[in-house]
Amino acid sequence: MAGSSSVPGFVAVSDSVFERPGISSGSNYFGAGHSPGRAGRDDPDIVVIFGWGDGLPRQVAMYANGFRQLYPQAKQVMAVSPTAWT
């Protein structure tokens, strides 16, 4: 499954780990007239988000989108896991 993803903007690293790159400061991610601002000196380079038990990747990605607004230049790594392993 590595490489494909059903989560928009993310690339599957494995069945339970997904990543997406940060947004370059010159992109127009927030639309015309909006700017993500300059990355602060204390802003993270990577945001790691661990999903809750049985949370679907697309559901956890909604939380990742909030962090995308806070830290647009940061790479995101999202990990999900089931409550029980089979």
Foldseek 3Di string as FASTA:
>chain_A
DFQDDPAPQWTRNDPFKIKHAADDQPDQVVHPPDGLDDADPPADQEDEAEDDAPDDPNRSVVVVVVVCSVGRRHIYMYGYYHPDDD
